[in-house]
Amino acid sequence: RLTHDTLDNVFFPTRGESAELTLGYYRNRL
């Protein structure tokens, strides 16, 4: 996971930037 967050407000932001990238490799069983 790579995360970047410089937002001044999460709901009413006026500056900054937010980005998150998540990569996973999973073995799933149902």
PDB file of all heavy atoms in Angstrom:
ATOM      1  N   ARG A   1       0.837  -1.202   0.000  1.00  0.00           N
ATOM      2  CA  ARG A   1       0.000   0.000   0.000  1.00  0.00           C
ATOM      3  C   ARG A   1       0.870   1.251   0.000  1.00  0.00           C
ATOM      4  O   ARG A   1       1.808   1.364   0.792  1.00  0.00           O
ATOM      5  CB  ARG A   1      -0.924   0.026   1.218  1.00  0.00           C
ATOM      6  CG  ARG A   1      -1.922   1.186   1.193  1.00  0.00           C
ATOM      7  CD  ARG A   1      -2.765   1.251   2.454  1.00  0.00           C
ATOM      8  NE  ARG A   1      -1.970   1.606   3.628  1.00  0.00           N
ATOM      9  CZ  ARG A   1      -1.650   0.764   4.603  1.00  0.00           C
ATOM     10  NH1 ARG A   1      -2.066  -0.494   4.570  1.00  0.00           N
ATOM     11  NH2 ARG A   1      -0.913   1.167   5.625  1.00  0.00           N
ATOM     12  N   LEU A   2       0.538   2.178  -0.868  1.00  0.00           N
ATOM     13  CA  LEU A   2       1.199   3.484  -0.924  1.00  0.00           C
ATOM     14  C   LEU A   2       0.145   4.551  -0.665  1.00  0.00           C
ATOM     15  O   LEU A   2      -0.877   4.613  -1.370  1.00  0.00           O
ATOM     16  CB  LEU A   2       1.849   3.699  -2.292  1.00  0.00           C
ATOM     17  CG  LEU A   2       2.532   5.051  -2.517  1.00  0.00           C
ATOM     18  CD1 LEU A   2       3.700   5.229  -1.557  1.00  0.00           C
ATOM     19  CD2 LEU A   2       3.005   5.183  -3.962  1.00  0.00           C
ATOM     20  N   THR A   3       0.378   5.395   0.354  1.00  0.00           N
ATOM     21  CA  THR A   3      -0.608   6.398   0.762  1.00  0.00           C
ATOM     22  C   THR A   3       0.034   7.769   0.836  1.00  0.00           C
ATOM     23  O   THR A   3       1.161   7.915   1.318  1.00  0.00           O
ATOM     24  CB  THR A   3      -1.210   6.049   2.142  1.00  0.00           C
ATOM     25  OG1 THR A   3      -1.674   4.699   2.130  1.00  0.00           O
ATOM     26  CG2 THR A   3      -2.362   6.974   2.476  1.00  0.00           C
ATOM     27  N   HIS A   4      -0.702   8.766   0.361  1.00  0.00           N
ATOM     28  CA  HIS A   4      -0.258  10.163   0.404  1.00  0.00           C
ATOM     29  C   HIS A   4      -1.470  11.012   0.745  1.00  0.00           C
ATOM     30  O   HIS A   4      -2.539  10.861   0.133  1.00  0.00           O
ATOM     31  CB  HIS A   4       0.318  10.567  -0.958  1.00  0.00           C
ATOM     32  CG  HIS A   4       0.591  12.038  -1.088  1.00  0.00           C
ATOM     33  ND1 HIS A   4       1.801  12.599  -0.723  1.00  0.00           N
ATOM     34  CD2 HIS A   4      -0.181  13.068  -1.530  1.00  0.00           C
ATOM     35  CE1 HIS A   4       1.759  13.903  -0.945  1.00  0.00           C
ATOM     36  NE2 HIS A   4       0.569  14.210  -1.438  1.00  0.00           N
ATOM     37  N   ASP A   5      -1.342  11.916   1.721  1.00  0.00           N
ATOM     38  CA  ASP A   5      -2.485  12.743   2.131  1.00  0.00           C
ATOM     39  C   ASP A   5      -1.985  14.052   2.722  1.00  0.00           C
ATOM     40  O   ASP A   5      -1.413  14.082   3.803  1.00  0.00           O
ATOM     41  CB  ASP A   5      -3.332  11.998   3.163  1.00  0.00           C
ATOM     42  CG  ASP A   5      -4.638  12.724   3.493  1.00  0.00           C
ATOM     43  OD1 ASP A   5      -4.773  13.904   3.134  1.00  0.00           O
ATOM     44  OD2 ASP A   5      -5.517  12.099   4.108  1.00  0.00           O
ATOM     45  N   THR A   6      -2.228  15.141   1.996  1.00  0.00           N
ATOM     46  CA  THR A   6      -1.892  16.479   2.497  1.00  0.00           C
ATOM     47  C   THR A   6      -3.117  17.384   2.541  1.00  0.00           C
ATOM     48  O   THR A   6      -2.988  18.600   2.609  1.00  0.00           O
ATOM     49  CB  THR A   6      -0.819  17.130   1.606  1.00  0.00           C
ATOM     50  OG1 THR A   6      -1.283  17.156   0.251  1.00  0.00           O
ATOM     51  CG2 THR A   6       0.492  16.377   1.681  1.00  0.00           C
ATOM     52  N   LEU A   7      -4.317  16.810   2.506  1.00  0.00           N
ATOM     53  CA  LEU A   7      -5.541  17.612   2.525  1.00  0.00           C
ATOM     54  C   LEU A   7      -5.658  18.382   3.833  1.00  0.00           C
ATOM     55  O   LEU A   7      -5.344  17.866   4.912  1.00  0.00           O
ATOM     56  CB  LEU A   7      -6.771  16.719   2.356  1.00  0.00           C
ATOM     57  CG  LEU A   7      -6.928  15.984   1.026  1.00  0.00           C
ATOM     58  CD1 LEU A   7      -8.159  15.092   1.069  1.00  0.00           C
ATOM     59  CD2 LEU A   7      -7.014  16.970  -0.127  1.00  0.00           C
ATOM     60  N   ASP A   8      -6.152  19.613   3.746  1.00  0.00           N
ATOM     61  CA  ASP A   8      -6.368  20.396   4.956  1.00  0.00           C
ATOM     62  C   ASP A   8      -7.681  20.039   5.633  1.00  0.00           C
ATOM     63  O   ASP A   8      -7.871  20.316   6.815  1.00  0.00           O
ATOM     64  CB  ASP A   8      -6.325  21.900   4.642  1.00  0.00           C
ATOM     65  CG  ASP A   8      -7.390  22.318   3.644  1.00  0.00           C
ATOM     66  OD1 ASP A   8      -7.836  21.470   2.840  1.00  0.00           O
ATOM     67  OD2 ASP A   8      -7.782  23.502   3.650  1.00  0.00           O
ATOM     68  N   ASN A   9      -8.601  19.415   4.896  1.00  0.00           N
ATOM     69  CA  ASN A   9      -9.903  19.037   5.444  1.00  0.00           C
ATOM     70  C   ASN A   9     -10.410  17.879   4.609  1.00  0.00           C
ATOM     71  O   ASN A   9     -10.402  17.945   3.384  1.00  0.00           O
ATOM     72  CB  ASN A   9     -10.868  20.227   5.386  1.00  0.00           C
ATOM     73  CG  ASN A   9     -12.197  19.951   6.077  1.00  0.00           C
ATOM     74  OD1 ASN A   9     -12.845  18.942   5.837  1.00  0.00           O
ATOM     75  ND2 ASN A   9     -12.609  20.877   6.925  1.00  0.00           N
ATOM     76  N   VAL A  10     -10.835  16.805   5.246  1.00  0.00           N
ATOM     77  CA  VAL A  10     -11.218  15.629   4.485  1.00  0.00           C
ATOM     78  C   VAL A  10     -12.586  15.773   3.839  1.00  0.00           C
ATOM     79  O   VAL A  10     -12.881  15.116   2.831  1.00  0.00           O
ATOM     80  CB  VAL A  10     -11.175  14.371   5.381  1.00  0.00           C
ATOM     81  CG1 VAL A  10     -12.288  14.385   6.419  1.00  0.00           C
ATOM     82  CG2 VAL A  10     -11.226  13.095   4.545  1.00  0.00           C
ATOM     83  N   PHE A  11     -13.461  16.642   4.370  1.00  0.00           N
ATOM     84  CA  PHE A  11     -14.804  16.792   3.826  1.00  0.00           C
ATOM     85  C   PHE A  11     -14.974  18.059   2.991  1.00  0.00           C
ATOM     86  O   PHE A  11     -15.706  18.054   2.004  1.00  0.00           O
ATOM     87  CB  PHE A  11     -15.828  16.786   4.967  1.00  0.00           C
ATOM     88  CG  PHE A  11     -15.835  15.510   5.744  1.00  0.00           C
ATOM     89  CD1 PHE A  11     -15.302  15.454   7.018  1.00  0.00           C
ATOM     90  CD2 PHE A  11     -16.354  14.348   5.196  1.00  0.00           C
ATOM     91  CE1 PHE A  11     -15.295  14.269   7.742  1.00  0.00           C
ATOM     92  CE2 PHE A  11     -16.354  13.159   5.901  1.00  0.00           C
ATOM     93  CZ  PHE A  11     -15.816  13.116   7.178  1.00  0.00           C
ATOM     94  N   PHE A  12     -14.323  19.137   3.384  1.00  0.00           N
ATOM     95  CA  PHE A  12     -14.395  20.395   2.637  1.00  0.00           C
ATOM     96  C   PHE A  12     -12.973  20.879   2.341  1.00  0.00           C
ATOM     97  O   PHE A  12     -12.557  21.927   2.799  1.00  0.00           O
ATOM     98  CB  PHE A  12     -15.161  21.458   3.431  1.00  0.00           C
ATOM     99  CG  PHE A  12     -16.588  21.091   3.728  1.00  0.00           C
ATOM    100  CD1 PHE A  12     -16.931  20.502   4.937  1.00  0.00           C
ATOM    101  CD2 PHE A  12     -17.587  21.329   2.799  1.00  0.00           C
ATOM    102  CE1 PHE A  12     -18.247  20.156   5.220  1.00  0.00           C
ATOM    103  CE2 PHE A  12     -18.904  20.987   3.069  1.00  0.00           C
ATOM    104  CZ  PHE A  12     -19.242  20.396   4.276  1.00  0.00           C
ATOM    105  N   PRO A  13     -12.203  20.095   1.589  1.00  0.00           N
ATOM    106  CA  PRO A  13     -10.802  20.462   1.350  1.00  0.00           C
ATOM    107  C   PRO A  13     -10.680  21.682   0.447  1.00  0.00           C
ATOM    108  O   PRO A  13     -11.505  21.907  -0.447  1.00  0.00           O
ATOM    109  CB  PRO A  13     -10.235  19.221   0.675  1.00  0.00           C
ATOM    110  CG  PRO A  13     -11.406  18.603  -0.021  1.00  0.00           C
ATOM    111  CD  PRO A  13     -12.578  18.867   0.879  1.00  0.00           C
ATOM    112  N   THR A  14      -9.638  22.471   0.670  1.00  0.00           N
ATOM    113  CA  THR A  14      -9.323  23.603  -0.200  1.00  0.00           C
ATOM    114  C   THR A  14      -7.906  23.515  -0.746  1.00  0.00           C
ATOM    115  O   THR A  14      -7.579  24.190  -1.714  1.00  0.00           O
ATOM    116  CB  THR A  14      -9.485  24.937   0.554  1.00  0.00           C
ATOM    117  OG1 THR A  14      -8.598  24.953   1.683  1.00  0.00           O
ATOM    118  CG2 THR A  14     -10.921  25.133   1.016  1.00  0.00           C
ATOM    119  N   ARG A  15      -7.057  22.698  -0.140  1.00  0.00           N
ATOM    120  CA  ARG A  15      -5.689  22.530  -0.627  1.00  0.00           C
ATOM    121  C   ARG A  15      -5.182  21.142  -0.256  1.00  0.00           C
ATOM    122  O   ARG A  15      -5.732  20.468   0.609  1.00  0.00           O
ATOM    123  CB  ARG A  15      -4.763  23.601  -0.047  1.00  0.00           C
ATOM    124  CG  ARG A  15      -4.575  23.539   1.447  1.00  0.00           C
ATOM    125  CD  ARG A  15      -3.616  24.602   1.960  1.00  0.00           C
ATOM    126  NE  ARG A  15      -3.366  24.472   3.384  1.00  0.00           N
ATOM    127  CZ  ARG A  15      -4.101  25.007   4.339  1.00  0.00           C
ATOM    128  NH1 ARG A  15      -5.152  25.735   4.016  1.00  0.00           N
ATOM    129  NH2 ARG A  15      -3.789  24.830   5.612  1.00  0.00           N
ATOM    130  N   GLY A  16      -4.105  20.748  -0.935  1.00  0.00           N
ATOM    131  CA  GLY A  16      -3.525  19.443  -0.679  1.00  0.00           C
ATOM    132  C   GLY A  16      -3.965  18.413  -1.707  1.00  0.00           C
ATOM    133  O   GLY A  16      -4.584  18.728  -2.733  1.00  0.00           O
ATOM    134  N   GLU A  17      -3.681  17.172  -1.410  1.00  0.00           N
ATOM    135  CA  GLU A  17      -4.014  16.072  -2.313  1.00  0.00           C
ATOM    136  C   GLU A  17      -4.041  14.786  -1.513  1.00  0.00           C
ATOM    137  O   GLU A  17      -3.332  14.641  -0.520  1.00  0.00           O
ATOM    138  CB  GLU A  17      -2.977  15.979  -3.434  1.00  0.00           C
ATOM    139  CG  GLU A  17      -3.313  14.984  -4.523  1.00  0.00           C
ATOM    140  CD  GLU A  17      -2.312  15.052  -5.668  1.00  0.00           C
ATOM    141  OE1 GLU A  17      -1.183  15.547  -5.439  1.00  0.00           O
ATOM    142  OE2 GLU A  17      -2.650  14.612  -6.783  1.00  0.00           O
ATOM    143  N   SER A  18      -4.874  13.852  -1.939  1.00  0.00           N
ATOM    144  CA  SER A  18      -4.963  12.559  -1.277  1.00  0.00           C
ATOM    145  C   SER A  18      -4.950  11.462  -2.336  1.00  0.00           C
ATOM    146  O   SER A  18      -5.658  11.554  -3.342  1.00  0.00           O
ATOM    147  CB  SER A  18      -6.245  12.464  -0.447  1.00  0.00           C
ATOM    148  OG  SER A  18      -6.390  11.170   0.105  1.00  0.00           O
ATOM    149  N   ALA A  19      -4.130  10.442  -2.113  1.00  0.00           N
ATOM    150  CA  ALA A  19      -4.063   9.315  -3.036  1.00  0.00           C
ATOM    151  C   ALA A  19      -3.666   8.065  -2.265  1.00  0.00           C
ATOM    152  O   ALA A  19      -2.836   8.125  -1.352  1.00  0.00           O
ATOM    153  CB  ALA A  19      -3.062   9.579  -4.155  1.00  0.00           C
ATOM    154  N   GLU A  20      -4.288   6.947  -2.624  1.00  0.00           N
ATOM    155  CA  GLU A  20      -3.936   5.667  -2.007  1.00  0.00           C
ATOM    156  C   GLU A  20      -4.056   4.564  -3.044  1.00  0.00           C
ATOM    157  O   GLU A  20      -5.086   4.428  -3.703  1.00  0.00           O
ATOM    158  CB  GLU A  20      -4.822   5.367  -0.811  1.00  0.00           C
ATOM    159  CG  GLU A  20      -4.438   4.079  -0.088  1.00  0.00           C
ATOM    160  CD  GLU A  20      -5.132   3.933   1.256  1.00  0.00           C
ATOM    161  OE1 GLU A  20      -4.642   4.520   2.237  1.00  0.00           O
ATOM    162  OE2 GLU A  20      -6.171   3.247   1.297  1.00  0.00           O
ATOM    163  N   LEU A  21      -3.002   3.795  -3.172  1.00  0.00           N
ATOM    164  CA  LEU A  21      -2.970   2.651  -4.081  1.00  0.00           C
ATOM    165  C   LEU A  21      -2.646   1.411  -3.263  1.00  0.00           C
ATOM    166  O   LEU A  21      -1.636   1.368  -2.547  1.00  0.00           O
ATOM    167  CB  LEU A  21      -1.910   2.858  -5.167  1.00  0.00           C
ATOM    168  CG  LEU A  21      -1.662   1.670  -6.103  1.00  0.00           C
ATOM    169  CD1 LEU A  21      -2.908   1.341  -6.919  1.00  0.00           C
ATOM    170  CD2 LEU A  21      -0.466   1.931  -6.999  1.00  0.00           C
ATOM    171  N   THR A  22      -3.509   0.385  -3.380  1.00  0.00           N
ATOM    172  CA  THR A  22      -3.311  -0.867  -2.663  1.00  0.00           C
ATOM    173  C   THR A  22      -3.322  -2.014  -3.661  1.00  0.00           C
ATOM    174  O   THR A  22      -4.251  -2.133  -4.473  1.00  0.00           O
ATOM    175  CB  THR A  22      -4.410  -1.097  -1.609  1.00  0.00           C
ATOM    176  OG1 THR A  22      -4.454   0.025  -0.723  1.00  0.00           O
ATOM    177  CG2 THR A  22      -4.133  -2.358  -0.810  1.00  0.00           C
ATOM    178  N   LEU A  23      -2.297  -2.855  -3.595  1.00  0.00           N
ATOM    179  CA  LEU A  23      -2.195  -4.041  -4.433  1.00  0.00           C
ATOM    180  C   LEU A  23      -2.025  -5.253  -3.532  1.00  0.00           C
ATOM    181  O   LEU A  23      -1.169  -5.255  -2.634  1.00  0.00           O
ATOM    182  CB  LEU A  23      -1.003  -3.940  -5.381  1.00  0.00           C
ATOM    183  CG  LEU A  23      -1.004  -2.777  -6.382  1.00  0.00           C
ATOM    184  CD1 LEU A  23       0.328  -2.730  -7.127  1.00  0.00           C
ATOM    185  CD2 LEU A  23      -2.161  -2.902  -7.359  1.00  0.00           C
ATOM    186  N   GLY A  24      -2.855  -6.269  -3.754  1.00  0.00           N
ATOM    187  CA  GLY A  24      -2.745  -7.483  -2.960  1.00  0.00           C
ATOM    188  C   GLY A  24      -2.901  -8.718  -3.830  1.00  0.00           C
ATOM    189  O   GLY A  24      -3.583  -8.680  -4.866  1.00  0.00           O
ATOM    190  N   TYR A  25      -2.269  -9.784  -3.427  1.00  0.00           N
ATOM    191  CA  TYR A  25      -2.430 -11.057  -4.134  1.00  0.00           C
ATOM    192  C   TYR A  25      -2.931 -12.066  -3.104  1.00  0.00           C
ATOM    193  O   TYR A  25      -2.214 -12.445  -2.168  1.00  0.00           O
ATOM    194  CB  TYR A  25      -1.121 -11.529  -4.751  1.00  0.00           C
ATOM    195  CG  TYR A  25      -1.318 -12.716  -5.661  1.00  0.00           C
ATOM    196  CD1 TYR A  25      -1.739 -12.536  -6.975  1.00  0.00           C
ATOM    197  CD2 TYR A  25      -1.106 -14.013  -5.193  1.00  0.00           C
ATOM    198  CE1 TYR A  25      -1.931 -13.632  -7.820  1.00  0.00           C
ATOM    199  CE2 TYR A  25      -1.300 -15.113  -6.020  1.00  0.00           C
ATOM    200  CZ  TYR A  25      -1.718 -14.912  -7.333  1.00  0.00           C
ATOM    201  OH  TYR A  25      -1.924 -15.990  -8.163  1.00  0.00           O
ATOM    202  N   TYR A  26      -4.203 -12.512  -3.285  1.00  0.00           N
ATOM    203  CA  TYR A  26      -4.855 -13.318  -2.267  1.00  0.00           C
ATOM    204  C   TYR A  26      -5.310 -14.659  -2.835  1.00  0.00           C
ATOM    205  O   TYR A  26      -5.722 -14.768  -4.005  1.00  0.00           O
ATOM    206  CB  TYR A  26      -6.073 -12.582  -1.703  1.00  0.00           C
ATOM    207  CG  TYR A  26      -5.733 -11.262  -1.037  1.00  0.00           C
ATOM    208  CD1 TYR A  26      -6.020 -10.057  -1.665  1.00  0.00           C
ATOM    209  CD2 TYR A  26      -5.114 -11.240   0.200  1.00  0.00           C
ATOM    210  CE1 TYR A  26      -5.703  -8.837  -1.062  1.00  0.00           C
ATOM    211  CE2 TYR A  26      -4.793 -10.037   0.811  1.00  0.00           C
ATOM    212  CZ  TYR A  26      -5.087  -8.844   0.174  1.00  0.00           C
ATOM    213  OH  TYR A  26      -4.759  -7.654   0.769  1.00  0.00           O
ATOM    214  N   ARG A  27      -5.242 -15.648  -1.964  1.00  0.00           N
ATOM    215  CA  ARG A  27      -5.815 -16.964  -2.269  1.00  0.00           C
ATOM    216  C   ARG A  27      -7.132 -17.057  -1.513  1.00  0.00           C
ATOM    217  O   ARG A  27      -7.151 -17.054  -0.284  1.00  0.00           O
ATOM    218  CB  ARG A  27      -4.853 -18.083  -1.850  1.00  0.00           C
ATOM    219  CG  ARG A  27      -5.403 -19.486  -2.108  1.00  0.00           C
ATOM    220  CD  ARG A  27      -4.385 -20.557  -1.742  1.00  0.00           C
ATOM    221  NE  ARG A  27      -4.927 -21.895  -1.912  1.00  0.00           N
ATOM    222  CZ  ARG A  27      -4.982 -22.542  -3.082  1.00  0.00           C
ATOM    223  NH1 ARG A  27      -4.511 -21.955  -4.170  1.00  0.00           N
ATOM    224  NH2 ARG A  27      -5.476 -23.770  -3.160  1.00  0.00           N
ATOM    225  N   ASN A  28      -8.231 -17.122  -2.256  1.00  0.00           N
ATOM    226  CA  ASN A  28      -9.573 -17.109  -1.676  1.00  0.00           C
ATOM    227  C   ASN A  28     -10.219 -18.491  -1.796  1.00  0.00           C
ATOM    228  O   ASN A  28     -10.100 -19.163  -2.834  1.00  0.00           O
ATOM    229  CB  ASN A  28     -10.464 -16.096  -2.404  1.00  0.00           C
ATOM    230  CG  ASN A  28      -9.887 -14.694  -2.358  1.00  0.00           C
ATOM    231  OD1 ASN A  28      -9.210 -14.322  -1.403  1.00  0.00           O
ATOM    232  ND2 ASN A  28     -10.138 -13.912  -3.392  1.00  0.00           N
ATOM    233  N   ARG A  29     -10.913 -18.891  -0.741  1.00  0.00           N
ATOM    234  CA  ARG A  29     -11.645 -20.164  -0.756  1.00  0.00           C
ATOM    235  C   ARG A  29     -13.074 -19.946  -0.302  1.00  0.00           C
ATOM    236  O   ARG A  29     -13.311 -19.335   0.743  1.00  0.00           O
ATOM    237  CB  ARG A  29     -10.953 -21.183   0.156  1.00  0.00           C
ATOM    238  CG  ARG A  29     -11.612 -22.567   0.078  1.00  0.00           C
ATOM    239  CD  ARG A  29     -10.825 -23.631   0.814  1.00  0.00           C
ATOM    240  NE  ARG A  29     -11.124 -23.677   2.229  1.00  0.00           N
ATOM    241  CZ  ARG A  29     -10.285 -23.374   3.191  1.00  0.00           C
ATOM    242  NH1 ARG A  29      -9.055 -22.952   2.894  1.00  0.00           N
ATOM    243  NH2 ARG A  29     -10.635 -23.461   4.466  1.00  0.00           N
ATOM    244  N   LEU A  30     -14.017 -20.425  -1.094  1.00  0.00           N
ATOM    245  CA  LEU A  30     -15.436 -20.368  -0.762  1.00  0.00           C
ATOM    246  C   LEU A  30     -15.956 -21.782  -0.563  1.00  0.00           C
ATOM    247  O   LEU A  30     -15.693 -22.676  -1.390  1.00  0.00           O
ATOM    248  CB  LEU A  30     -16.238 -19.685  -1.874  1.00  0.00           C
ATOM    249  CG  LEU A  30     -16.019 -18.183  -2.065  1.00  0.00           C
ATOM    250  CD1 LEU A  30     -16.836 -17.680  -3.242  1.00  0.00           C
ATOM    251  CD2 LEU A  30     -16.385 -17.416  -0.806  1.00  0.00           C
TER     252      LEU A  30
END
